[in-house]
């Protein structure tokens, strides 16, 4: 039972990780394309 829980947790974490990377790529790509012609620095956006 413990082993099943551990494997399920690792699968869930992998799925969440890949999903968050996927969502981050979707969010960051249009943002960087949109910000490309604006004078704002990425440092200002991170604050």
N, C-alpha and C. Protein backbone atom coordinates (compact mmCIF):
# COMPACT_ATOMS: atom_id res chain seq x y z
N UNK A 1 0.83 -1.20 0.00
CA UNK A 1 0.00 0.00 0.00
C UNK A 1 0.87 1.26 0.00
N UNK A 2 1.95 1.22 0.79
CA UNK A 2 2.84 2.38 0.88
C UNK A 2 3.52 2.63 -0.47
N UNK A 3 3.93 1.54 -1.13
CA UNK A 3 4.61 1.65 -2.41
C UNK A 3 3.68 2.24 -3.47
N UNK A 4 2.41 1.82 -3.44
CA UNK A 4 1.41 2.32 -4.39
C UNK A 4 1.22 3.83 -4.21
N UNK A 5 1.15 4.24 -2.95
CA UNK A 5 0.96 5.65 -2.64
C UNK A 5 2.15 6.47 -3.15
N UNK A 6 3.36 5.93 -2.97
CA UNK A 6 4.56 6.63 -3.39
C UNK A 6 4.62 6.77 -4.90
N UNK A 7 4.27 5.70 -5.62
CA UNK A 7 4.30 5.76 -7.08
C UNK A 7 3.22 6.70 -7.61
N UNK A 8 2.07 6.68 -6.97
CA UNK A 8 0.97 7.56 -7.37
C UNK A 8 1.37 9.02 -7.13
N UNK A 9 2.02 9.29 -6.03
CA UNK A 9 2.47 10.64 -5.70
C UNK A 9 3.50 11.12 -6.72
N UNK A 10 4.45 10.26 -7.07
CA UNK A 10 5.47 10.67 -8.03
C UNK A 10 4.86 10.91 -9.41
N UNK A 11 3.88 10.10 -9.79
CA UNK A 11 3.19 10.31 -11.07
C UNK A 11 2.42 11.62 -11.06
N UNK A 12 1.78 11.90 -9.93
CA UNK A 12 1.02 13.15 -9.81
C UNK A 12 1.95 14.35 -9.88
N UNK A 13 3.09 14.25 -9.19
CA UNK A 13 4.05 15.36 -9.19
C UNK A 13 4.62 15.58 -10.59
N UNK A 14 4.88 14.49 -11.32
CA UNK A 14 5.36 14.61 -12.69
C UNK A 14 4.32 15.29 -13.57
N UNK A 15 3.07 14.87 -13.42
CA UNK A 15 1.99 15.44 -14.22
C UNK A 15 1.82 16.93 -13.91
N UNK A 16 1.87 17.27 -12.63
CA UNK A 16 1.73 18.67 -12.22
C UNK A 16 2.90 19.49 -12.74
N UNK A 17 4.09 18.93 -12.65
CA UNK A 17 5.29 19.62 -13.13
C UNK A 17 5.23 19.88 -14.63
N UNK A 18 4.88 18.88 -15.40
CA UNK A 18 4.82 19.05 -16.85
C UNK A 18 3.68 20.00 -17.23
N UNK A 19 2.57 19.92 -16.51
CA UNK A 19 1.44 20.80 -16.78
C UNK A 19 1.81 22.25 -16.48
N UNK A 20 2.51 22.47 -15.36
CA UNK A 20 2.90 23.84 -15.01
C UNK A 20 3.92 24.38 -16.01
N UNK A 21 4.83 23.53 -16.49
CA UNK A 21 5.78 23.96 -17.52
C UNK A 21 5.04 24.32 -18.80
N UNK A 22 4.05 23.52 -19.16
CA UNK A 22 3.25 23.74 -20.35
C UNK A 22 2.49 25.07 -20.25
N UNK A 23 1.86 25.29 -19.09
CA UNK A 23 1.11 26.53 -18.87
C UNK A 23 2.06 27.73 -18.85
N UNK A 24 3.23 27.56 -18.23
CA UNK A 24 4.21 28.64 -18.18
C UNK A 24 4.65 29.01 -19.60
N UNK A 25 4.87 28.01 -20.44
CA UNK A 25 5.25 28.26 -21.84
C UNK A 25 4.15 29.02 -22.57
N UNK A 26 2.91 28.63 -22.33
CA UNK A 26 1.78 29.30 -22.98
C UNK A 26 1.67 30.75 -22.52
N UNK A 27 1.91 30.98 -21.23
CA UNK A 27 1.79 32.34 -20.68
C UNK A 27 2.98 33.20 -21.07
N UNK A 28 4.19 32.64 -20.99
CA UNK A 28 5.41 33.43 -21.21
C UNK A 28 5.61 33.79 -22.69
N UNK A 29 5.29 32.89 -23.59
CA UNK A 29 5.54 33.14 -25.01
C UNK A 29 4.81 34.38 -25.54
N UNK A 30 3.49 34.50 -25.37
CA UNK A 30 2.82 35.72 -25.83
C UNK A 30 3.27 36.95 -25.06
N UNK A 31 3.58 36.79 -23.77
CA UNK A 31 4.02 37.92 -22.96
C UNK A 31 5.35 38.46 -23.47
N UNK A 32 6.29 37.56 -23.77
CA UNK A 32 7.60 38.00 -24.25
C UNK A 32 7.47 38.59 -25.66
N UNK A 33 6.59 38.03 -26.47
CA UNK A 33 6.36 38.60 -27.81
C UNK A 33 5.72 39.98 -27.69
N UNK A 34 4.80 40.12 -26.74
CA UNK A 34 4.12 41.40 -26.55
C UNK A 34 5.04 42.45 -25.94
N UNK A 35 5.94 42.00 -25.05
CA UNK A 35 6.84 42.94 -24.38
C UNK A 35 8.06 43.28 -25.24
N UNK A 36 8.26 42.55 -26.33
CA UNK A 36 9.46 42.72 -27.14
C UNK A 36 9.62 44.14 -27.67
N UNK A 37 8.51 44.78 -28.02
CA UNK A 37 8.60 46.12 -28.59
C UNK A 37 8.40 47.22 -27.56
N UNK A 38 8.24 46.82 -26.28
CA UNK A 38 8.09 47.81 -25.21
C UNK A 38 9.42 48.03 -24.49
N UNK A 39 9.67 49.22 -24.00
CA UNK A 39 10.96 49.54 -23.37
C UNK A 39 11.15 48.95 -21.98
N UNK A 40 10.11 48.34 -21.41
CA UNK A 40 10.21 47.79 -20.06
C UNK A 40 11.24 46.66 -20.00
N UNK A 41 12.03 46.65 -18.94
CA UNK A 41 12.99 45.58 -18.72
C UNK A 41 12.31 44.42 -18.01
N UNK A 42 12.79 43.18 -18.21
CA UNK A 42 12.25 42.03 -17.47
C UNK A 42 12.42 42.20 -15.96
N UNK A 43 13.47 42.91 -15.53
CA UNK A 43 13.68 43.12 -14.09
C UNK A 43 12.52 43.89 -13.48
N UNK A 44 11.98 44.86 -14.23
CA UNK A 44 10.84 45.63 -13.73
C UNK A 44 9.60 44.74 -13.58
N UNK A 45 9.46 43.79 -14.49
CA UNK A 45 8.29 42.91 -14.46
C UNK A 45 8.38 41.92 -13.29
N UNK A 46 9.60 41.55 -12.91
CA UNK A 46 9.78 40.57 -11.84
C UNK A 46 9.50 41.16 -10.46
N UNK A 47 9.58 42.47 -10.34
CA UNK A 47 9.38 43.09 -9.03
C UNK A 47 7.94 43.02 -8.58
